[in-house]
Protein backbone atom coordinates (compact mmCIF):
# COMPACT_ATOMS: atom_id res chain seq x y z
CA UNK A 1 -8.79 -9.65 -14.21
CA UNK A 2 -6.07 -10.58 -11.78
CA UNK A 3 -6.72 -9.49 -7.80
CA UNK A 4 -5.40 -6.31 -6.59
CA UNK A 5 -2.79 -6.60 -3.73
CA UNK A 6 -3.68 -2.91 -1.85
CA UNK A 7 -1.32 -3.86 1.27
CA UNK A 8 -3.17 -1.40 3.10
CA UNK A 9 -2.78 -1.48 6.98
CA UNK A 10 -6.46 -0.15 7.69
CA UNK A 11 -6.81 -0.17 11.57
CA UNK A 12 -4.08 0.99 12.94
CA UNK A 13 -4.94 4.16 15.35
CA UNK A 14 -4.55 7.28 14.60
CA UNK A 15 -1.80 8.82 16.18
CA UNK A 16 -0.38 12.44 16.85
CA UNK A 17 2.71 14.02 15.76
CA UNK A 18 5.00 14.17 17.96
CA UNK A 19 7.90 16.17 17.64
CA UNK A 20 10.42 14.96 15.42
CA UNK A 21 14.55 14.94 16.50
CA UNK A 22 17.53 14.19 14.56
CA UNK A 23 21.04 13.34 15.12
CA UNK A 24 23.20 16.03 14.14
CA UNK A 25 24.54 15.39 10.67
CA UNK A 26 28.29 14.41 10.39
CA UNK A 27 28.87 16.65 7.49
CA UNK A 28 26.81 19.06 5.37
CA UNK A 29 26.83 20.19 1.52
CA UNK A 30 25.70 23.21 0.58
CA UNK A 31 23.52 23.89 -2.92
CA UNK A 32 21.63 26.64 -4.63
CA UNK A 33 23.67 29.65 -2.85
CA UNK A 34 23.23 28.40 0.98
CA UNK A 35 19.36 27.23 0.23
CA UNK A 36 19.84 23.33 1.00
CA UNK A 37 21.39 21.63 3.22
CA UNK A 38 22.04 17.72 2.66
CA UNK A 39 23.50 15.40 5.41
CA UNK A 40 24.97 12.20 5.73
CA UNK A 41 21.80 10.86 8.13
CA UNK A 42 19.29 11.25 5.40
CA UNK A 43 18.13 15.07 6.06
CA UNK A 44 17.54 17.58 3.56
CA UNK A 45 17.38 21.19 5.15
CA UNK A 46 15.55 23.88 3.03
CA UNK A 47 16.22 27.33 4.09
CA UNK A 48 13.39 30.12 3.29
CA UNK A 49 13.61 33.39 5.06
CA UNK A 50 13.55 33.16 8.60
CA UNK A 51 12.52 29.34 8.51
CA UNK A 52 13.87 26.66 7.93
CA UNK A 53 12.71 23.36 6.80
CA UNK A 54 14.03 19.83 7.56
CA UNK A 55 12.86 16.96 5.95
CA UNK A 56 13.79 13.44 6.99
CA UNK A 57 13.27 9.83 6.45
CA UNK A 58 10.82 10.02 9.35
CA UNK A 59 9.11 13.63 8.51
CA UNK A 60 9.68 17.14 8.31
CA UNK A 61 10.25 19.84 10.76
CA UNK A 62 9.42 23.78 10.24
CA UNK A 63 11.26 25.81 12.45
CA UNK A 64 10.99 29.79 12.69
CA UNK A 65 13.51 31.81 13.45
CA UNK A 66 17.51 31.46 13.67
CA UNK A 67 17.35 28.49 16.27
CA UNK A 68 18.27 24.77 14.63
CA UNK A 69 15.74 22.24 14.27
CA UNK A 70 17.22 20.29 17.07
CA UNK A 71 16.30 22.53 19.83
CA UNK A 72 12.59 21.45 20.48
CA UNK A 73 12.18 23.75 23.24
CA UNK A 74 11.90 26.54 20.54
CA UNK A 75 8.47 27.12 18.55
CA UNK A 76 8.17 24.48 15.55
CA UNK A 77 5.86 22.36 13.83
CA UNK A 78 6.49 19.10 13.40
CA UNK A 79 4.87 15.91 10.78
CA UNK A 80 6.07 12.96 11.48
CA UNK A 81 5.31 10.78 8.29
CA UNK A 82 7.24 8.18 6.74
CA UNK A 83 7.92 5.92 3.22
CA UNK A 84 5.92 3.43 5.45
CA UNK A 85 3.21 4.67 6.66
CA UNK A 86 1.84 4.69 2.84
CA UNK A 87 0.94 2.19 0.36
CA UNK A 88 1.16 3.25 -3.30
CA UNK A 89 -1.57 2.36 -4.99
CA UNK A 90 -1.24 3.40 -8.56
CA UNK A 91 0.12 6.39 -10.27
CA UNK A 92 -2.57 9.47 -11.43
CA UNK A 93 -0.59 12.35 -12.51
CA UNK A 94 2.72 13.04 -14.10
CA UNK A 95 4.27 16.43 -14.88
CA UNK A 96 7.47 17.82 -15.60
CA UNK A 97 8.46 18.43 -12.08
CA UNK A 98 6.72 15.73 -10.36
CA UNK A 99 4.72 12.61 -10.04
CA UNK A 100 1.39 12.17 -8.13
CA UNK A 101 0.53 8.28 -6.90
CA UNK A 102 -2.82 7.48 -5.25
CA UNK A 103 -1.65 5.84 -1.89
CA UNK A 104 -3.19 4.47 1.49
CA UNK A 105 -2.37 6.24 4.70
CA UNK A 106 -3.41 3.73 7.34
CA UNK A 107 -3.20 6.04 10.35
CA UNK A 108 -5.58 8.04 9.36
CA UNK A 109 -7.41 5.06 7.43
CA UNK A 110 -7.79 7.16 3.89
CA UNK A 111 -6.45 7.75 0.53
CA UNK A 112 -4.11 10.74 0.20
CA UNK A 113 -1.92 11.50 -2.85
CA UNK A 114 1.69 11.57 -3.35
CA UNK A 115 3.69 14.43 -4.74
CA UNK A 116 6.82 13.59 -5.63
CA UNK A 117 9.71 15.76 -6.69
CA UNK A 118 13.13 15.93 -7.43
CA UNK A 119 14.87 18.73 -5.10
CA UNK A 120 18.44 18.89 -5.96
CA UNK A 121 16.70 21.08 -8.86
CA UNK A 122 16.15 24.59 -7.85
CA UNK A 123 13.10 25.77 -9.95
CA UNK A 124 11.48 22.68 -8.34
CA UNK A 125 12.87 22.98 -4.93
CA UNK A 126 10.65 26.28 -4.89
CA UNK A 127 7.51 25.36 -6.16
CA UNK A 128 7.69 22.62 -3.69
CA UNK A 129 8.75 25.05 -0.96
CA UNK A 130 5.63 27.09 -1.96
CA UNK A 131 3.06 24.43 -1.92
CA UNK A 132 4.36 23.55 1.93
CA UNK A 133 4.24 27.91 2.89
CA UNK A 134 1.10 27.71 1.55
CA UNK A 135 -0.53 24.97 3.61
CA UNK A 136 1.66 23.96 6.16
CA UNK A 137 -0.30 24.62 9.02
CA UNK A 138 -3.73 25.63 7.78
CA UNK A 139 -6.75 24.38 8.45
CA UNK A 140 -8.93 26.39 5.56
CA UNK A 141 -11.26 24.09 4.25
CA UNK A 142 -11.47 25.49 0.54
CA UNK A 143 -7.42 24.33 0.43
CA UNK A 144 -6.15 21.21 -0.31
CA UNK A 145 -4.78 19.62 3.27
CA UNK A 146 -1.64 19.22 3.69
CA UNK A 147 -0.78 15.76 5.97
CA UNK A 148 3.01 16.01 6.24
CA UNK A 149 6.41 15.21 3.76
CA UNK A 150 9.11 13.14 4.35
CA UNK A 151 12.63 12.90 2.43
CA UNK A 152 13.50 9.64 -0.13
CA UNK A 153 17.31 9.52 0.38
CA UNK A 154 17.67 6.89 -2.23
CA UNK A 155 16.47 8.62 -4.80
CA UNK A 156 16.53 12.34 -3.11
CA UNK A 157 13.06 13.03 -3.65
CA UNK A 158 10.60 15.08 -1.19
CA UNK A 159 7.14 13.47 -0.82
CA UNK A 160 4.24 15.61 -0.28
CA UNK A 161 1.45 13.73 1.55
CA UNK A 162 -1.38 15.73 0.38
CA UNK A 163 -5.21 14.98 0.51
CA UNK A 164 -6.93 12.98 -2.40
CA UNK A 165 -9.47 14.67 -4.43
CA UNK A 166 -11.59 11.29 -5.89
CA UNK A 167 -13.60 13.63 -8.24
CA UNK A 168 -11.08 15.02 -10.41
CA UNK A 169 -10.54 18.75 -11.60
CA UNK A 170 -12.84 21.10 -13.26
CA UNK A 171 -10.82 20.22 -16.37
CA UNK A 172 -11.63 16.74 -15.62
CA UNK A 173 -15.42 17.49 -15.64
CA UNK A 174 -15.16 19.65 -19.12
CA UNK A 175 -13.62 16.69 -20.56
CA UNK A 176 -16.32 14.50 -19.76
CA UNK A 177 -19.15 16.23 -19.57
CA UNK A 178 -18.39 19.14 -22.10
CA UNK A 179 -19.63 22.23 -20.06
CA UNK A 180 -21.05 22.43 -16.58
CA UNK A 181 -24.69 24.20 -15.60
CA UNK A 182 -24.75 27.33 -13.23
CA UNK A 183 -26.01 26.45 -10.16
CA UNK A 184 -23.27 23.87 -9.92
CA UNK A 185 -20.68 26.69 -11.18
CA UNK A 186 -22.40 28.84 -8.99
CA UNK A 187 -21.68 26.25 -5.52
CA UNK A 188 -18.26 25.67 -6.69
CA UNK A 189 -17.38 29.61 -7.32
CA UNK A 190 -18.57 29.99 -3.70
CA UNK A 191 -16.03 27.29 -2.04
CA UNK A 192 -13.09 28.36 -4.76
CA UNK A 193 -13.61 32.24 -3.43
CA UNK A 194 -13.32 31.62 0.01
CA UNK A 195 -10.05 29.60 -0.49
CA UNK A 196 -9.12 32.80 -2.33
CA UNK A 197 -10.30 35.30 0.54
CA UNK A 198 -8.09 32.86 2.69
CA UNK A 199 -5.22 33.26 0.82
CA UNK A 200 -5.43 37.26 -0.56
CA UNK A 201 -6.75 38.00 3.44
CA UNK A 202 -4.73 36.30 5.73
CA UNK A 203 -1.99 34.41 3.83
CA UNK A 204 -1.25 37.67 1.65
CA UNK A 205 -0.95 35.11 -1.41
CA UNK A 206 -1.44 35.57 -5.08
CA UNK A 207 -1.96 32.17 -6.42
CA UNK A 208 -0.82 33.20 -10.26
CA UNK A 209 -2.08 29.94 -11.62
CA UNK A 210 -5.62 29.44 -10.89
CA UNK A 211 -7.26 27.26 -13.89
CA UNK A 212 -9.02 24.38 -14.19
CA UNK A 213 -6.79 21.87 -13.80
CA UNK A 214 -6.23 23.40 -10.24
CA UNK A 215 -9.81 23.74 -8.98
CA UNK A 216 -10.46 19.90 -7.41
CA UNK A 217 -13.23 18.22 -6.50
CA UNK A 218 -14.62 15.57 -3.89
CA UNK A 219 -17.35 12.97 -5.24
CA UNK A 220 -19.39 14.97 -3.13
CA UNK A 221 -19.07 17.99 -4.83
CA UNK A 222 -16.70 19.62 -2.46
CA UNK A 223 -13.98 22.20 -4.21
CA UNK A 224 -10.71 22.82 -3.41
CA UNK A 225 -7.81 25.05 -4.86
CA UNK A 226 -4.52 23.30 -5.41
CA UNK A 227 -1.26 23.45 -6.39
CA UNK A 228 0.96 26.84 -5.20
CA UNK A 229 3.66 25.97 -7.16
CA UNK A 230 3.94 29.54 -8.93
CA UNK A 231 2.51 31.49 -5.49
CA UNK A 232 4.21 34.51 -4.27
CA UNK A 233 3.88 36.56 -1.06
CA UNK A 234 3.32 39.75 -0.66
CA UNK A 235 4.29 42.04 2.67
CA UNK A 236 0.33 43.02 2.68
CA UNK A 237 -2.77 43.90 1.06
CA UNK A 238 -1.93 46.91 -0.87
CA UNK A 239 1.26 45.24 -2.17
CA UNK A 240 2.07 44.10 -5.36
CA UNK A 241 4.24 41.52 -7.82
CA UNK A 242 5.87 42.47 -10.82
CA UNK A 243 7.57 38.88 -11.70
CA UNK A 244 5.98 37.40 -15.21
CA UNK A 245 4.89 33.73 -14.06
CA UNK A 246 1.97 31.30 -14.41
CA UNK A 247 -0.16 30.13 -16.83
CA UNK A 248 -0.74 32.50 -20.36
CA UNK A 249 -4.08 31.15 -21.03
CA UNK A 250 -5.65 32.38 -17.47
CA UNK A 251 -3.29 35.26 -17.17
CA UNK A 252 -4.88 38.81 -16.48
CA UNK A 253 -4.23 42.04 -18.95
CA UNK A 254 -2.08 43.58 -16.11
CA UNK A 255 0.13 40.29 -15.81
CA UNK A 256 0.42 40.52 -19.67
CA UNK A 257 1.49 43.96 -19.56
CA UNK A 258 4.18 43.44 -17.19
CA UNK A 259 2.59 45.78 -15.10
CA UNK A 260 2.39 45.37 -11.27
CA UNK A 261 -0.59 43.18 -10.38
CA UNK A 262 -1.75 41.77 -7.01
CA UNK A 263 -4.66 40.07 -5.57
CA UNK A 264 -7.32 41.23 -8.67
CA UNK A 265 -5.11 38.87 -11.02
CA UNK A 266 -6.91 35.36 -9.47
CA UNK A 267 -10.20 37.28 -9.82
CA UNK A 268 -9.55 37.77 -13.35
CA UNK A 269 -8.06 34.19 -13.89
CA UNK A 270 -12.24 32.38 -12.16
CA UNK A 271 -13.72 34.63 -14.30
CA UNK A 272 -12.20 33.33 -17.26
CA UNK A 273 -12.34 29.82 -16.69
CA UNK A 274 -16.13 30.60 -15.42
CA UNK A 275 -16.48 31.21 -18.67
CA UNK A 276 -14.90 28.73 -19.84
CA UNK A 277 -17.20 26.02 -17.94
CA UNK A 278 -19.82 27.30 -18.69
CA UNK A 279 -19.36 27.56 -22.86
CA UNK A 280 -17.52 24.56 -22.60
CA UNK A 281 -14.49 25.84 -24.39
CA UNK A 282 -12.12 27.90 -23.83
CA UNK A 283 -13.18 31.54 -24.92
CA UNK A 284 -10.33 32.75 -26.67
CA UNK A 285 -9.02 31.75 -29.76
CA UNK A 286 -5.07 30.24 -28.83
CA UNK A 287 -4.82 28.34 -32.04
CA UNK A 288 -2.19 31.02 -33.58
CA UNK A 289 -0.22 30.64 -30.45
CA UNK A 290 0.70 32.99 -27.06
CA UNK A 291 1.59 35.90 -28.42
CA UNK A 292 -1.53 36.22 -30.66
CA UNK A 293 -3.51 35.07 -27.45
CA UNK A 294 -1.91 37.96 -25.36
CA UNK A 295 -2.99 40.58 -27.72
CA UNK A 296 -6.25 39.35 -27.91
CA UNK A 297 -6.41 39.38 -24.40
CA UNK A 298 -5.09 42.99 -24.09
CA UNK A 299 -6.50 44.42 -27.36
CA UNK A 300 -9.68 42.84 -28.05
CA UNK A 301 -12.99 43.47 -25.86
CA UNK A 302 -14.13 40.82 -23.17
CA UNK A 303 -15.80 37.77 -24.67
CA UNK A 304 -18.56 37.82 -21.75
CA UNK A 305 -21.59 35.37 -21.52
CA UNK A 306 -23.90 35.93 -24.45
CA UNK A 307 -27.14 37.12 -23.54
CA UNK A 308 -30.08 34.63 -23.77
CA UNK A 309 -27.82 31.63 -23.32
CA UNK A 310 -27.12 32.56 -19.47
CA UNK A 311 -28.85 34.51 -16.36
CA UNK A 312 -28.30 37.91 -15.91
CA UNK A 313 -26.77 37.02 -12.88
CA UNK A 314 -24.18 35.20 -13.94
CA UNK A 315 -23.45 37.38 -16.60
CA UNK A 316 -22.53 39.96 -14.17
CA UNK A 317 -20.58 37.74 -12.29
CA UNK A 318 -18.22 36.98 -14.99
CA UNK A 319 -18.06 40.79 -16.26
CA UNK A 320 -17.46 41.73 -12.31
CA UNK A 321 -14.35 39.62 -11.93
CA UNK A 322 -13.38 40.48 -16.02
CA UNK A 323 -13.12 44.18 -15.87
CA UNK A 324 -9.68 44.79 -17.66
CA UNK A 325 -8.95 47.30 -15.06
CA UNK A 326 -7.86 45.34 -11.78
CA UNK A 327 -8.88 48.34 -9.74
CA UNK A 328 -12.37 47.52 -10.63
CA UNK A 329 -12.44 44.08 -10.05
CA UNK A 330 -13.97 43.27 -6.82
CA UNK A 331 -12.06 41.06 -3.82
CA UNK A 332 -12.91 37.53 -3.07
CA UNK A 333 -15.14 38.50 -0.72
CA UNK A 334 -17.05 40.95 -2.14
CA UNK A 335 -17.61 38.37 -4.76
CA UNK A 336 -18.74 35.93 -2.13
CA UNK A 337 -22.37 38.45 -1.77
CA UNK A 338 -22.90 38.64 -5.15
CA UNK A 339 -26.41 37.55 -6.42
CA UNK A 340 -24.93 34.87 -8.54
CA UNK A 341 -23.67 32.84 -5.57
CA UNK A 342 -26.88 33.84 -2.95
CA UNK A 343 -28.92 32.57 -5.62
CA UNK A 344 -27.90 29.00 -5.62
CA UNK A 345 -27.00 29.33 -1.82
CA UNK A 346 -30.77 29.68 -1.42
CA UNK A 347 -31.02 26.08 -4.42
CA UNK A 348 -28.17 24.52 -3.60
CA UNK A 349 -28.17 21.14 -6.52
CA UNK A 350 -27.45 18.01 -5.65
CA UNK A 351 -23.74 18.52 -6.33
CA UNK A 352 -23.56 14.17 -5.58
CA UNK A 353 -25.70 13.50 -8.40
CA UNK A 354 -23.74 15.81 -10.83
CA UNK A 355 -20.36 14.09 -9.45
CA UNK A 356 -21.59 10.51 -10.74
CA UNK A 357 -20.39 11.59 -14.21
CA UNK A 358 -16.94 11.16 -12.35
CA UNK A 359 -17.42 7.85 -10.86
CA UNK A 360 -14.14 5.55 -11.46
CA UNK A 361 -15.17 2.05 -11.43
CA UNK A 362 -11.53 0.91 -10.34
CA UNK A 363 -12.11 3.69 -7.89
CA UNK A 364 -15.03 2.97 -6.10
CA UNK A 365 -14.16 -1.18 -5.84
CA UNK A 366 -10.45 0.19 -4.23
CA UNK A 367 -12.78 2.24 -1.59
CA UNK A 368 -15.06 -0.54 -0.60
CA UNK A 369 -11.82 -3.13 -0.38
CA UNK A 370 -11.30 -0.53 2.67
CA UNK A 371 -14.18 0.83 3.50
CA UNK A 372 -16.14 -2.07 4.43
CA UNK A 373 -13.44 -3.84 6.60
CA UNK A 374 -12.33 -0.71 7.84
CA UNK A 375 -16.12 -0.04 9.11
CA UNK A 376 -16.59 -3.60 10.71
CA UNK A 377 -13.36 -4.09 12.44
CA UNK A 378 -13.64 -0.39 14.14
CA UNK A 379 -16.58 -1.55 14.80
CA UNK A 380 -15.65 -4.78 16.43
CA UNK A 381 -12.64 -2.86 18.68
CA UNK A 382 -15.82 -0.43 20.58
CA UNK A 383 -18.97 -1.82 23.04
CA UNK A 384 -21.78 -3.35 22.48
CA UNK A 385 -23.51 -0.48 21.16
CA UNK A 386 -21.11 0.24 18.73
CA UNK A 387 -20.89 -3.22 17.17
CA UNK A 388 -24.77 -2.73 16.54
CA UNK A 389 -23.69 0.29 13.94
CA UNK A 390 -22.64 -2.90 11.35
CA UNK A 391 -26.24 -3.45 10.95
CA UNK A 392 -26.06 -1.61 7.86
CA UNK A 393 -23.57 -3.38 6.34
CA UNK A 394 -25.98 -6.76 6.29
CA UNK A 395 -29.38 -7.96 5.04
CA UNK A 396 -31.75 -10.35 5.48
CA UNK A 397 -29.87 -13.04 3.23
CA UNK A 398 -26.33 -12.32 4.96
CA UNK A 399 -24.03 -14.96 5.97
CA UNK A 400 -21.37 -14.39 8.69
CA UNK A 401 -19.03 -17.70 9.24
CA UNK A 402 -16.75 -17.37 11.86
CA UNK A 403 -14.64 -20.64 12.63
CA UNK A 404 -16.76 -22.97 11.21
CA UNK A 405 -20.07 -21.96 12.83
CA UNK A 406 -22.52 -19.97 10.32
CA UNK A 407 -25.35 -16.90 11.05
CA UNK A 408 -27.68 -16.04 8.53
CA UNK A 409 -29.26 -12.74 8.29
CA UNK A 410 -29.14 -9.67 9.62
CA UNK A 411 -30.16 -9.09 13.53
CA UNK A 412 -28.81 -13.25 14.19
CA UNK A 413 -25.67 -11.61 12.67
CA UNK A 414 -25.44 -8.49 14.81
CA UNK A 415 -26.32 -10.23 17.77
CA UNK A 416 -23.63 -13.13 17.31
CA UNK A 417 -20.78 -10.15 16.90
CA UNK A 418 -21.90 -8.43 20.15
CA UNK A 419 -21.50 -11.80 21.61
CA UNK A 420 -17.97 -11.88 20.38
CA UNK A 421 -17.26 -7.95 21.59
CA UNK A 422 -18.46 -9.07 25.01
CA UNK A 423 -15.70 -12.20 25.13
CA UNK A 424 -13.17 -9.97 23.53
CA UNK A 425 -13.75 -7.57 26.19
CA UNK A 426 -14.01 -9.61 29.20
CA UNK A 427 -9.99 -10.00 28.23
CA UNK A 428 -9.47 -6.07 27.66
CA UNK A 429 -10.20 -6.15 23.94
CA UNK A 430 -10.03 -7.45 20.72
CA UNK A 431 -7.98 -6.00 17.86
CA UNK A 432 -7.86 -6.47 14.11
CA UNK A 433 -4.08 -5.56 12.50
CA UNK A 434 -4.67 -5.77 8.69
CA UNK A 435 -1.36 -6.76 7.04
CA UNK A 436 -2.84 -7.13 3.51
CA UNK A 437 -6.08 -6.75 1.28
CA UNK A 438 -6.57 -8.37 -1.74
CA UNK A 439 -9.76 -7.27 -3.97
CA UNK A 440 -11.16 -8.89 -6.90
CA UNK A 441 -14.37 -8.33 -8.60
CA UNK A 442 -16.26 -10.98 -9.86
CA UNK A 443 -18.72 -10.62 -12.95
CA UNK A 444 -22.12 -10.33 -11.43
CA UNK A 445 -21.14 -6.83 -10.10
CA UNK A 446 -19.86 -8.17 -7.01
CA UNK A 447 -16.19 -7.69 -5.16
CA UNK A 448 -14.51 -10.30 -3.36
CA UNK A 449 -12.27 -9.04 -0.88
CA UNK A 450 -9.38 -11.04 1.09
CA UNK A 451 -7.65 -9.87 4.46
CA UNK A 452 -4.81 -10.96 6.21
CA UNK A 453 -3.18 -9.70 9.18
CA UNK A 454 -2.91 -10.47 13.30
CA UNK A 455 -5.92 -10.75 16.10
CA UNK A 456 -5.14 -9.70 19.04
CA UNK A 457 -6.97 -10.17 22.64
CA UNK A 458 -5.47 -8.29 25.26
CA UNK A 459 -6.05 -4.79 27.57
CA UNK A 460 -7.32 -4.09 30.98
CA UNK A 461 -10.69 -6.67 31.07
CA UNK A 462 -11.43 -8.68 34.13
CA UNK A 463 -9.43 -12.10 32.48
CA UNK A 464 -6.83 -10.16 30.87
CA UNK A 465 -3.72 -12.05 29.92
CA UNK A 466 -0.45 -11.22 31.23
CA UNK A 467 1.17 -9.08 33.41
CA UNK A 468 -0.47 -5.89 31.11
CA UNK A 469 -3.24 -7.40 29.69
CA UNK A 470 -1.25 -8.02 26.10
CA UNK A 471 -2.41 -11.02 24.50
CA UNK A 472 -0.38 -12.91 21.68
CA UNK A 473 -0.97 -12.23 18.13
CA UNK A 474 -3.24 -14.91 16.27
CA UNK A 475 -2.83 -14.34 12.71
CA UNK A 476 -6.54 -14.58 10.66
CA UNK A 477 -7.88 -15.09 7.37
CA UNK A 478 -11.15 -13.23 6.28
CA UNK A 479 -12.89 -13.12 3.52
CA UNK A 480 -15.88 -10.37 2.64
CA UNK A 481 -18.25 -10.42 -0.57
CA UNK A 482 -19.62 -7.49 -1.21
CA UNK A 483 -22.32 -5.89 -3.38
CA UNK A 484 -23.89 -2.72 -3.72
CA UNK A 485 -27.53 -2.29 -2.86
CA UNK A 486 -30.30 -0.18 -4.97
CA UNK A 487 -29.57 3.39 -3.19
CA UNK A 488 -25.32 2.19 -4.06
CA UNK A 489 -24.40 1.24 -0.84
CA UNK A 490 -22.26 -1.70 -0.03
CA UNK A 491 -23.75 -4.38 1.57
CA UNK A 492 -21.72 -7.76 2.89
CA UNK A 493 -23.44 -10.72 1.32
CA UNK A 494 -21.04 -13.66 2.58
CA UNK A 495 -18.27 -13.30 5.59
CA UNK A 496 -15.74 -16.03 6.88
CA UNK A 497 -13.44 -15.62 9.21
CA UNK A 498 -10.76 -18.18 10.24
CA UNK A 499 -7.80 -18.37 12.90
CA UNK A 500 -4.61 -19.30 11.35
């Protein structure tokens, strides 16, 4: 198997997001009824109600009110991120309006999802802006995190940088397992309800596309709502929508009938996907096309969970969500106190064990290739006590070699690393700036990781070099041979460091 070049910078310090100031454009192009302005210097301005969103190759600025985004003294929100900050690893999804990539964001030391969209198409741009308006400046943990966005002028695309969920979606889990047990559904549903409650109560937003593919999980079982492309905002919690948009498969009866609808439409969709996940199949017959499906949803009795096959609490929950009269459906907030949710709050299942079915060997290796060197280099930049945390990476059989001198065993290796850290501290500090990582699986289950980068000793220590303690960079090469122990934790069996 060929080695994988990840080209990741895993030790760059985390930066705050300063305000982005972009020079005045030299010419403007109006597009889509004045909602879009493209400038010569690579900025891409989208106007939405009373806000302006300015995308540049260096990031995104959201401006409130009618003042221009160049006026940094007014109320604005900035996300500084660019193409050079992320390293694309592979494609993980492709749809009609976008391509999604797995990438690595060096400054945060984590994987992210990059969603690239061609914004010269009005409908795609509208969906992108819904995503941004739903997630921008939001810290609700049950919604996929928005990290930033930037414009790639060479291809006219906008790239959204989003949280990466390594467990896939409910649709992926269904495909792999066939069905999902009630206790896991309860824990997942509680998180989805929290997200819907936030959207409905605080954002006044109807998601309109709640379906298994839009509920994402990580490998620890944390669930989050994603894809707000066709969501809509209402003026207040009593307002209604009138447009026919969304996935027909999970559409509520009032929406199919083209009647006014609001937040209860999302509750119907939630009940329907729970029924599908528990049964392992979609509860309606969709084989005769969308028209016949819509007739079933509107005219036929609701296909509630079978008595005896499921608990009374689950059947009651689904029945409450799938009331055909939207005014009889509970709110998301109200459903959080339903017995089906509370029952498994007290007896929480082992979500991590359940999610092992979604572990992907390729992703695990990518994560180890980043995590293990990253943990080591962060520890080496800290104090003696910080370096002690590296003990979890070694065993009694581990070997560490630095410039031709070898040390064996956990305690001896940690002691040597502490000595190196103290030597670096005398000069101020020691910093590893990683440029590339190559990883190669080996036949006995190990992972060979080769790191190349620059090592700098400098700072404000008693032996600091130069007028400001800035020592010269030295090119280094380091190899890690990594295995997973019986508990699945990565350990370093062999490690070799050289200055070049």
